[in-house]
N, C-alpha and C. Protein backbone atom coordinates (compact mmCIF):
# COMPACT_ATOMS: atom_id res chain seq x y z
N MET A 1 0.77 -1.04 0.17
CA MET A 1 0.01 -0.20 0.07
C MET A 1 0.75 1.28 0.28
N LYS A 2 1.93 1.28 0.81
CA LYS A 2 2.26 2.66 0.87
C LYS A 2 3.65 2.11 0.02
N LYS A 3 4.33 1.45 -0.73
CA LYS A 3 4.99 1.30 -1.91
C LYS A 3 4.28 1.70 -2.93
N TYR A 4 2.89 1.80 -3.21
CA TYR A 4 2.55 2.01 -4.74
C TYR A 4 1.82 3.35 -4.11
N LYS A 5 1.49 3.93 -3.06
CA LYS A 5 0.54 4.88 -2.80
C LYS A 5 -0.89 5.07 -3.14
N LEU A 6 -1.21 3.49 -2.31
CA LEU A 6 -2.70 3.37 -2.85
C LEU A 6 -3.62 3.45 -1.26
N LYS A 7 -3.58 4.68 -1.29
CA LYS A 7 -4.22 4.78 0.23
C LYS A 7 -6.15 4.36 0.08
N ARG A 8 -6.34 5.08 -1.29
CA ARG A 8 -7.96 4.78 -1.60
C ARG A 8 -8.42 3.31 -1.67
N LEU A 9 -7.49 2.47 -2.03
CA LEU A 9 -7.93 1.43 -2.28
C LEU A 9 -8.12 0.29 -0.83
N VAL A 10 -7.58 0.82 0.20
CA VAL A 10 -7.82 -0.14 1.04
C VAL A 10 -8.93 -0.33 1.59
N SER A 11 -10.17 0.15 1.86
CA SER A 11 -11.27 -0.48 1.83
C SER A 11 -11.61 -1.20 0.58
N TYR A 12 -11.35 -1.47 -0.40
CA TYR A 12 -11.58 -2.12 -1.65
C TYR A 12 -10.76 -3.38 -1.42
N LEU A 13 -9.50 -3.35 -1.01
CA LEU A 13 -8.96 -4.58 -1.26
C LEU A 13 -9.21 -5.22 0.35
N CYS A 14 -9.17 -4.62 1.25
CA CYS A 14 -10.19 -5.52 2.42
C CYS A 14 -11.05 -6.02 2.67
N ASP A 15 -12.08 -5.19 1.75
CA ASP A 15 -13.14 -6.32 1.11
C ASP A 15 -13.11 -7.78 0.50
N VAL A 16 -11.97 -7.47 -0.25
CA VAL A 16 -11.41 -8.55 -0.95
C VAL A 16 -11.20 -9.62 -0.17
N MET A 17 -10.18 -9.10 0.73
CA MET A 17 -9.88 -10.21 1.75
C MET A 17 -10.28 -10.57 2.57
N GLY A 18 -11.60 -10.03 3.18
CA GLY A 18 -12.50 -10.11 3.93
C GLY A 18 -11.89 -9.84 4.99
N ILE A 19 -11.00 -8.70 5.40
CA ILE A 19 -10.56 -8.62 6.88
C ILE A 19 -11.35 -6.84 6.78
N SER A 20 -11.20 -6.43 8.23
CA SER A 20 -11.59 -4.75 8.36
C SER A 20 -10.63 -4.10 8.41
N ARG A 21 -11.25 -2.55 7.95
CA ARG A 21 -10.31 -1.71 8.15
C ARG A 21 -9.12 -1.34 8.80
N SER A 22 -10.20 -1.56 10.14
CA SER A 22 -9.56 -1.21 11.65
C SER A 22 -8.65 -2.81 11.92
N GLY A 23 -8.86 -3.96 11.54
CA GLY A 23 -7.62 -4.87 11.76
C GLY A 23 -6.55 -4.93 10.78
N TYR A 24 -7.04 -3.98 9.70
CA TYR A 24 -5.76 -4.18 8.69
C TYR A 24 -4.63 -2.86 9.30
N TYR A 25 -5.42 -2.14 9.51
CA TYR A 25 -4.34 -0.47 10.34
C TYR A 25 -4.13 -1.48 11.53
N ASN A 26 -4.86 -1.92 12.41
CA ASN A 26 -3.80 -2.54 13.61
C ASN A 26 -2.82 -3.42 13.59
N TYR A 27 -2.82 -4.05 12.62
CA TYR A 27 -1.48 -4.71 12.32
C TYR A 27 -0.45 -4.11 12.13
N PHE A 28 -0.54 -3.07 11.79
CA PHE A 28 0.71 -1.98 11.48
C PHE A 28 1.16 -1.63 12.61
N LEU A 29 0.17 -1.42 13.42
CA LEU A 29 0.68 -0.84 15.13
C LEU A 29 2.00 -1.37 15.40
N GLU A 30 3.19 -0.29 16.02
CA GLU A 30 4.12 -0.57 16.62
C GLU A 30 3.48 -1.80 18.08
N LYS A 31 2.88 -1.59 18.67
CA LYS A 31 2.71 -2.42 19.93
C LYS A 31 2.25 -3.82 19.33
N SER A 32 1.63 -4.03 18.09
CA SER A 32 1.29 -5.25 17.65
C SER A 32 2.66 -5.99 16.69
N ALA A 33 3.10 -5.11 16.38
CA ALA A 33 4.48 -5.66 15.83
C ALA A 33 5.12 -6.35 17.30
N GLN A 34 5.39 -5.26 18.03
CA GLN A 34 6.16 -5.78 19.18
C GLN A 34 5.82 -7.24 19.95
N LYS A 35 4.51 -6.89 19.60
CA LYS A 35 3.52 -8.47 20.45
C LYS A 35 3.82 -9.81 19.54
N ARG A 36 3.93 -9.71 18.01
CA ARG A 36 4.46 -10.86 17.52
C ARG A 36 5.85 -11.03 17.33
N VAL A 37 6.65 -10.07 17.89
CA VAL A 37 8.04 -10.22 17.98
C VAL A 37 8.25 -10.87 19.35
N GLU A 38 7.70 -11.02 20.49
CA GLU A 38 7.27 -11.54 21.48
C GLU A 38 7.07 -12.91 21.85
N GLN A 39 5.68 -13.10 20.41
CA GLN A 39 5.46 -14.71 20.57
C GLN A 39 6.21 -15.70 19.91
N GLU A 40 6.94 -14.95 19.03
CA GLU A 40 7.93 -15.82 17.97
C GLU A 40 9.33 -16.08 19.07
N GLN A 41 9.82 -15.05 20.26
CA GLN A 41 10.55 -15.69 20.85
C GLN A 41 10.18 -16.67 22.25
N ALA A 42 8.91 -16.39 22.32
CA ALA A 42 8.68 -17.26 23.23
C ALA A 42 8.19 -18.60 22.44
N ASP A 43 8.29 -18.94 21.18
CA ASP A 43 8.11 -19.82 20.78
C ASP A 43 9.08 -20.41 20.48
N GLU A 44 10.42 -20.07 20.21
CA GLU A 44 11.69 -20.68 19.98
C GLU A 44 12.05 -21.20 21.36
N VAL A 45 12.06 -20.85 22.80
CA VAL A 45 11.95 -21.24 23.75
C VAL A 45 11.01 -22.50 23.94
N VAL A 46 9.87 -22.43 23.73
CA VAL A 46 9.41 -23.56 22.94
C VAL A 46 9.69 -24.83 22.90
N LYS A 47 10.31 -24.42 21.61
CA LYS A 47 10.44 -25.08 20.39
C LYS A 47 11.45 -25.86 20.88
N GLU A 48 12.37 -25.32 21.82
CA GLU A 48 13.96 -26.18 22.42
C GLU A 48 13.59 -27.50 23.05
N ILE A 49 12.33 -26.95 24.12
CA ILE A 49 11.78 -27.71 24.88
C ILE A 49 11.40 -29.29 24.49
N ILE A 50 10.55 -29.01 23.47
CA ILE A 50 9.99 -30.01 22.52
C ILE A 50 10.51 -30.85 22.19
N LEU A 51 12.27 -30.07 21.46
CA LEU A 51 13.06 -30.95 20.76
C LEU A 51 13.82 -31.76 21.53
N LYS A 52 14.05 -31.47 22.86
CA LYS A 52 14.47 -32.43 23.72
C LYS A 52 13.74 -33.62 24.23
N ALA A 53 12.27 -33.31 24.42
CA ALA A 53 11.17 -34.37 24.75
C ALA A 53 11.55 -35.26 23.23
N TYR A 54 11.68 -34.57 21.96
CA TYR A 54 11.55 -35.64 20.87
C TYR A 54 12.79 -36.34 20.59
N HIS A 55 13.99 -35.97 21.47
CA HIS A 55 15.22 -36.87 21.40
C HIS A 55 15.46 -37.34 22.23
N PHE A 56 14.82 -37.70 23.11
CA PHE A 56 14.66 -38.16 24.49
C PHE A 56 14.65 -39.77 24.20
N ARG A 57 16.01 -40.24 24.95
CA ARG A 57 16.45 -41.48 25.28
C ARG A 57 16.83 -42.05 23.36
N GLY A 58 17.16 -41.15 22.65
CA GLY A 58 17.73 -41.38 21.40
C GLY A 58 16.79 -42.22 20.37
N ARG A 59 15.33 -42.10 20.84
CA ARG A 59 14.56 -42.54 20.03
C ARG A 59 13.42 -41.34 19.30
N LYS A 60 13.04 -41.36 18.10
CA LYS A 60 12.27 -40.37 17.36
C LYS A 60 10.94 -40.56 18.37
N LYS A 61 10.02 -39.50 18.32
CA LYS A 61 8.56 -39.66 18.80
C LYS A 61 7.81 -38.99 17.79
N GLY A 62 6.34 -39.23 17.96
CA GLY A 62 5.27 -38.60 17.51
C GLY A 62 4.71 -37.57 18.59
N ALA A 63 3.71 -36.76 18.40
CA ALA A 63 3.35 -36.16 18.94
C ALA A 63 2.72 -36.39 20.55
N ARG A 64 2.13 -37.41 20.39
CA ARG A 64 1.02 -38.00 21.72
C ARG A 64 2.32 -38.15 22.33
N GLN A 65 3.26 -38.82 21.61
CA GLN A 65 4.71 -39.61 23.04
C GLN A 65 5.26 -38.25 23.08
N ILE A 66 5.43 -36.94 22.40
CA ILE A 66 6.45 -35.86 22.82
C ILE A 66 5.22 -35.43 24.01
N LYS A 67 4.34 -35.34 23.82
CA LYS A 67 3.28 -35.03 25.12
C LYS A 67 3.09 -35.62 26.14
N MET A 68 3.62 -37.07 26.55
CA MET A 68 3.55 -37.65 27.35
C MET A 68 4.99 -37.54 27.96
N THR A 69 5.95 -37.46 27.39
CA THR A 69 7.11 -37.17 28.01
C THR A 69 7.32 -35.97 28.53
N LEU A 70 6.73 -34.91 27.82
CA LEU A 70 6.99 -33.91 28.56
C LEU A 70 6.21 -33.65 30.01
N GLU A 71 5.14 -34.02 29.92
CA GLU A 71 4.32 -34.42 30.93
C GLU A 71 4.91 -35.05 31.97
N ASN A 72 5.48 -36.53 31.97
CA ASN A 72 6.28 -37.61 32.81
C ASN A 72 7.65 -37.05 33.18
N GLN A 73 8.42 -36.62 32.55
CA GLN A 73 9.61 -36.28 32.84
C GLN A 73 10.25 -34.95 33.02
N TYR A 74 9.38 -34.16 32.06
CA TYR A 74 9.70 -32.51 32.63
C TYR A 74 8.53 -31.68 33.29
N GLY A 75 7.29 -32.68 33.53
CA GLY A 75 6.47 -32.01 34.43
C GLY A 75 6.00 -30.54 33.52
N ILE A 76 5.79 -30.57 32.53
CA ILE A 76 5.60 -29.62 31.40
C ILE A 76 4.08 -30.00 30.34
N THR A 77 3.16 -29.36 30.42
CA THR A 77 2.07 -29.63 29.90
C THR A 77 1.65 -28.46 28.67
N TYR A 78 1.89 -29.13 27.35
CA TYR A 78 1.79 -28.38 25.96
C TYR A 78 0.37 -29.02 25.91
N ASN A 79 -0.81 -28.40 24.99
CA ASN A 79 -1.73 -28.56 24.09
C ASN A 79 -1.12 -29.45 22.67
N LEU A 80 -1.59 -30.47 22.47
CA LEU A 80 -1.16 -30.95 21.30
C LEU A 80 -1.04 -30.15 20.03
N LYS A 81 -1.82 -29.57 19.76
CA LYS A 81 -2.06 -28.18 18.81
C LYS A 81 -0.68 -27.68 18.57
N ARG A 82 -0.46 -27.00 20.06
CA ARG A 82 1.00 -26.37 19.84
C ARG A 82 2.27 -27.48 19.36
N ILE A 83 2.20 -28.63 20.24
CA ILE A 83 3.43 -29.46 19.92
C ILE A 83 3.81 -29.45 18.49
N ARG A 84 2.52 -29.96 17.83
CA ARG A 84 2.32 -30.11 16.50
C ARG A 84 2.58 -28.95 15.67
N ARG A 85 2.42 -27.70 15.80
CA ARG A 85 2.92 -26.81 15.28
C ARG A 85 4.39 -26.33 15.50
């Protein structure tokens, strides 16, 4: 939008994509960008913990086994969707 200076097409493009104008502008707020960065950093920490459970005892595991290993060995409870992501 900024690159091609298409200010008047924001409403049209938001309608095409199925998002609200306020949602579009909210995405570009500094607060929203900071929140996305913090979430990515938190996901990296979780990723390392899940990889430890994945390689526990030198065997590969699926999402359910990772969940059980995290709960039994590390005392951590994560949702299966989070583990799969």
